[in-house]
Amino acid sequence: MTRILDIRLSSSGGVLDVIRRVEYVILLAICATGLVFYQPLGFLLAGPLLVVALALVPRRLQPSPTWQRARLETLNDLQGDGLSIRSRWVALRETPLTDQKAVEQWRIQRDTLIWMANCSARLGRYPEVGGIFNAHLSRESLVDELDSCLQLLSRIRRMVSLSESLRLPI
């Protein structure tokens, strides 16, 4: 099982923010001192210290999606894309056979293959669900394969949701 260690400095007004502000002010003071008292070559001291001081400027971090939320959003996006391809196929199945229909069938089959490759690639970032998706059995026709992948994504989404609600790791 793979775990992601996310180490971020808290920007909620804690002790680390106070320390960063003190370091920031000290570095700015050293920069100013270097520029004022060491006139000819003071910029050589002040330049790198200014860059470090700017890196320490306290700022509010925007909350990023957690690993589980990002995984669920990826599953939702992939399932939505797959359902749109499936709805195109269902709508096309009801029309009479023409040259235009044959071209559209080819496009849908191509989009299905691209979607399945995209699913494997995007779910590969989440090995706990990517392995489940890649282990499914392939079907005879591409439409059956699409349906199988959509059902599998639905099961994975239910498993992820249940895992989050019960607070159990996958």
Protein backbone atom coordinates (compact mmCIF):
# COMPACT_ATOMS: atom_id res chain seq x y z
CA MET A 1 0.00 0.00 0.00
CA THR A 2 1.34 3.41 -0.90
CA ARG A 3 0.99 6.34 1.43
CA ILE A 4 1.69 9.97 0.69
CA LEU A 5 3.41 12.01 3.35
CA ASP A 6 2.32 15.61 3.08
CA ILE A 7 4.49 17.94 5.10
CA ARG A 8 3.38 21.55 4.99
CA LEU A 9 4.07 24.41 7.28
CA SER A 10 0.86 25.52 8.86
CA SER A 11 -0.21 29.02 8.02
CA SER A 12 -2.94 29.27 10.60
CA GLY A 13 -1.13 31.76 12.83
CA GLY A 14 0.85 29.16 14.75
CA VAL A 15 4.37 29.18 16.14
CA LEU A 16 5.91 28.38 12.76
CA ASP A 17 4.39 31.51 11.22
CA VAL A 18 5.87 33.63 14.00
CA ILE A 19 9.27 32.04 13.46
CA ARG A 20 9.06 32.65 9.71
CA ARG A 21 8.15 36.30 10.27
CA VAL A 22 11.11 36.78 12.63
CA GLU A 23 13.47 35.14 10.14
CA TYR A 24 12.03 37.29 7.35
CA VAL A 25 12.61 40.52 9.30
CA ILE A 26 16.15 39.47 10.33
CA LEU A 27 17.09 38.66 6.74
CA LEU A 28 15.71 41.99 5.50
CA ALA A 29 17.73 43.79 8.19
CA ILE A 30 20.90 41.98 7.14
CA CYS A 31 20.19 42.89 3.49
CA ALA A 32 19.78 46.55 4.39
CA THR A 33 22.93 46.47 6.52
CA GLY A 34 24.91 44.89 3.69
CA LEU A 35 23.73 47.49 1.20
CA VAL A 36 24.40 50.45 3.51
CA PHE A 37 27.67 49.54 5.22
CA TYR A 38 29.40 47.45 2.55
CA GLN A 39 28.85 49.84 -0.33
CA PRO A 40 30.91 48.51 -3.21
CA LEU A 41 30.07 44.81 -2.86
CA GLY A 42 27.07 44.86 -0.51
CA PHE A 43 24.72 43.76 -3.26
CA LEU A 44 26.57 40.43 -3.43
CA LEU A 45 25.49 39.79 0.16
CA ALA A 46 22.07 41.38 -0.13
CA GLY A 47 20.94 39.64 -3.35
CA PRO A 48 20.87 36.01 -2.16
CA LEU A 49 19.60 37.01 1.29
CA LEU A 50 16.75 38.93 -0.30
CA VAL A 51 15.79 35.87 -2.34
CA VAL A 52 15.75 33.72 0.81
CA ALA A 53 13.76 36.37 2.66
CA LEU A 54 11.14 36.46 -0.11
CA ALA A 55 10.87 32.68 0.09
CA LEU A 56 10.05 33.01 3.79
CA VAL A 57 7.26 35.55 3.34
CA PRO A 58 4.32 34.13 5.30
CA ARG A 59 1.32 33.59 3.08
CA ARG A 60 -1.92 31.73 3.37
CA LEU A 61 -1.93 28.40 1.62
CA GLN A 62 -5.01 27.55 -0.36
CA PRO A 63 -6.41 24.27 0.85
CA SER A 64 -5.51 21.61 -1.70
CA PRO A 65 -7.67 18.56 -2.18
CA THR A 66 -6.63 15.64 -0.10
CA TRP A 67 -5.49 12.39 -1.64
CA GLN A 68 -8.88 10.79 -1.15
CA ARG A 69 -10.81 13.76 -2.54
CA ALA A 70 -8.55 13.97 -5.59
CA ARG A 71 -8.97 10.23 -6.16
CA LEU A 72 -12.76 10.52 -5.94
CA GLU A 73 -12.79 13.53 -8.31
CA THR A 74 -10.69 11.56 -10.80
CA LEU A 75 -13.11 8.64 -10.60
CA ASN A 76 -16.08 10.98 -11.10
CA ASP A 77 -14.45 12.67 -14.10
CA LEU A 78 -13.58 9.37 -15.75
CA GLN A 79 -17.03 7.96 -15.17
CA GLY A 80 -18.65 11.11 -16.57
CA ASP A 81 -16.52 10.91 -19.70
CA GLY A 82 -17.31 7.24 -20.12
CA LEU A 83 -21.05 7.82 -19.69
CA SER A 84 -20.99 10.53 -22.36
CA ILE A 85 -19.33 8.10 -24.80
CA ARG A 86 -21.93 5.46 -23.86
CA SER A 87 -24.81 7.89 -24.46
CA ARG A 88 -23.38 8.75 -27.89
CA TRP A 89 -23.30 5.04 -28.70
CA VAL A 90 -26.89 4.49 -27.57
CA ALA A 91 -28.11 7.48 -29.62
CA LEU A 92 -26.23 6.26 -32.68
CA ARG A 93 -27.57 2.71 -32.39
CA GLU A 94 -31.13 3.93 -33.05
CA THR A 95 -30.33 5.57 -36.41
CA PRO A 96 -30.36 3.74 -39.75
CA LEU A 97 -27.06 2.64 -41.26
CA THR A 98 -25.43 5.28 -43.46
CA ASP A 99 -21.92 6.36 -44.31
CA GLN A 100 -22.14 9.07 -41.67
CA LYS A 101 -23.20 6.52 -39.07
CA ALA A 102 -20.25 4.29 -39.94
CA VAL A 103 -17.85 7.20 -39.49
CA GLU A 104 -19.47 8.12 -36.18
CA GLN A 105 -19.23 4.50 -34.99
CA TRP A 106 -15.53 4.55 -35.79
CA ARG A 107 -15.13 7.81 -33.85
CA ILE A 108 -16.94 6.37 -30.84
CA GLN A 109 -14.76 3.26 -30.92
CA ARG A 110 -11.63 5.43 -31.14
CA ASP A 111 -12.87 7.64 -28.28
CA THR A 112 -13.57 4.50 -26.23
CA LEU A 113 -10.03 3.21 -26.72
CA ILE A 114 -8.61 6.63 -25.84
CA TRP A 115 -10.85 6.83 -22.77
CA MET A 116 -9.78 3.39 -21.53
CA ALA A 117 -6.10 4.30 -21.98
CA ASN A 118 -6.76 7.58 -20.17
CA CYS A 119 -8.45 5.68 -17.34
CA SER A 120 -5.45 3.41 -16.93
CA ALA A 121 -3.04 6.34 -16.98
CA ARG A 122 -4.96 8.57 -14.57
CA LEU A 123 -5.83 5.76 -12.17
CA GLY A 124 -2.19 4.69 -12.24
CA ARG A 125 -1.51 7.63 -9.93
CA TYR A 126 -3.64 5.87 -7.33
CA PRO A 127 -2.24 2.34 -7.17
CA GLU A 128 -4.93 1.10 -4.79
CA VAL A 129 -7.65 1.62 -7.41
CA GLY A 130 -5.50 1.56 -10.55
CA GLY A 131 -4.61 -2.09 -9.93
CA ILE A 132 -8.28 -2.99 -9.58
CA PHE A 133 -9.13 -1.21 -12.83
CA ASN A 134 -6.26 -2.74 -14.79
CA ALA A 135 -7.07 -6.26 -13.55
CA HIS A 136 -10.54 -6.39 -15.12
CA LEU A 137 -11.17 -8.93 -17.86
CA SER A 138 -11.53 -7.64 -21.39
CA ARG A 139 -14.73 -8.36 -23.29
CA GLU A 140 -15.37 -9.40 -26.87
CA SER A 141 -16.75 -6.14 -28.23
CA LEU A 142 -15.65 -2.63 -27.47
CA VAL A 143 -19.12 -1.61 -26.26
CA ASP A 144 -19.16 -4.51 -23.79
CA GLU A 145 -15.70 -3.43 -22.66
CA LEU A 146 -16.97 0.13 -22.17
CA ASP A 147 -19.92 -1.12 -20.11
CA SER A 148 -17.62 -3.33 -18.07
CA CYS A 149 -15.26 -0.43 -17.35
CA LEU A 150 -18.15 1.84 -16.35
CA GLN A 151 -19.52 -0.79 -13.97
CA LEU A 152 -16.06 -1.29 -12.51
CA LEU A 153 -15.60 2.47 -12.01
CA SER A 154 -18.96 2.58 -10.27
CA ARG A 155 -17.92 -0.24 -7.93
CA ILE A 156 -14.60 1.46 -7.22
CA ARG A 157 -16.39 4.73 -6.42
CA ARG A 158 -18.69 2.92 -3.99
CA MET A 159 -15.70 1.22 -2.39
CA VAL A 160 -13.84 4.55 -2.03
CA SER A 161 -16.91 6.26 -0.57
CA LEU A 162 -17.49 3.42 1.86
CA SER A 163 -13.82 3.46 2.82
CA GLU A 164 -14.00 7.18 3.59
CA SER A 165 -17.23 6.93 5.56
CA LEU A 166 -15.93 4.03 7.65
CA ARG A 167 -12.45 5.58 7.85
CA LEU A 168 -10.83 2.37 6.68
CA PRO A 169 -7.88 2.37 4.27
CA ILE A 170 -8.23 0.65 0.95
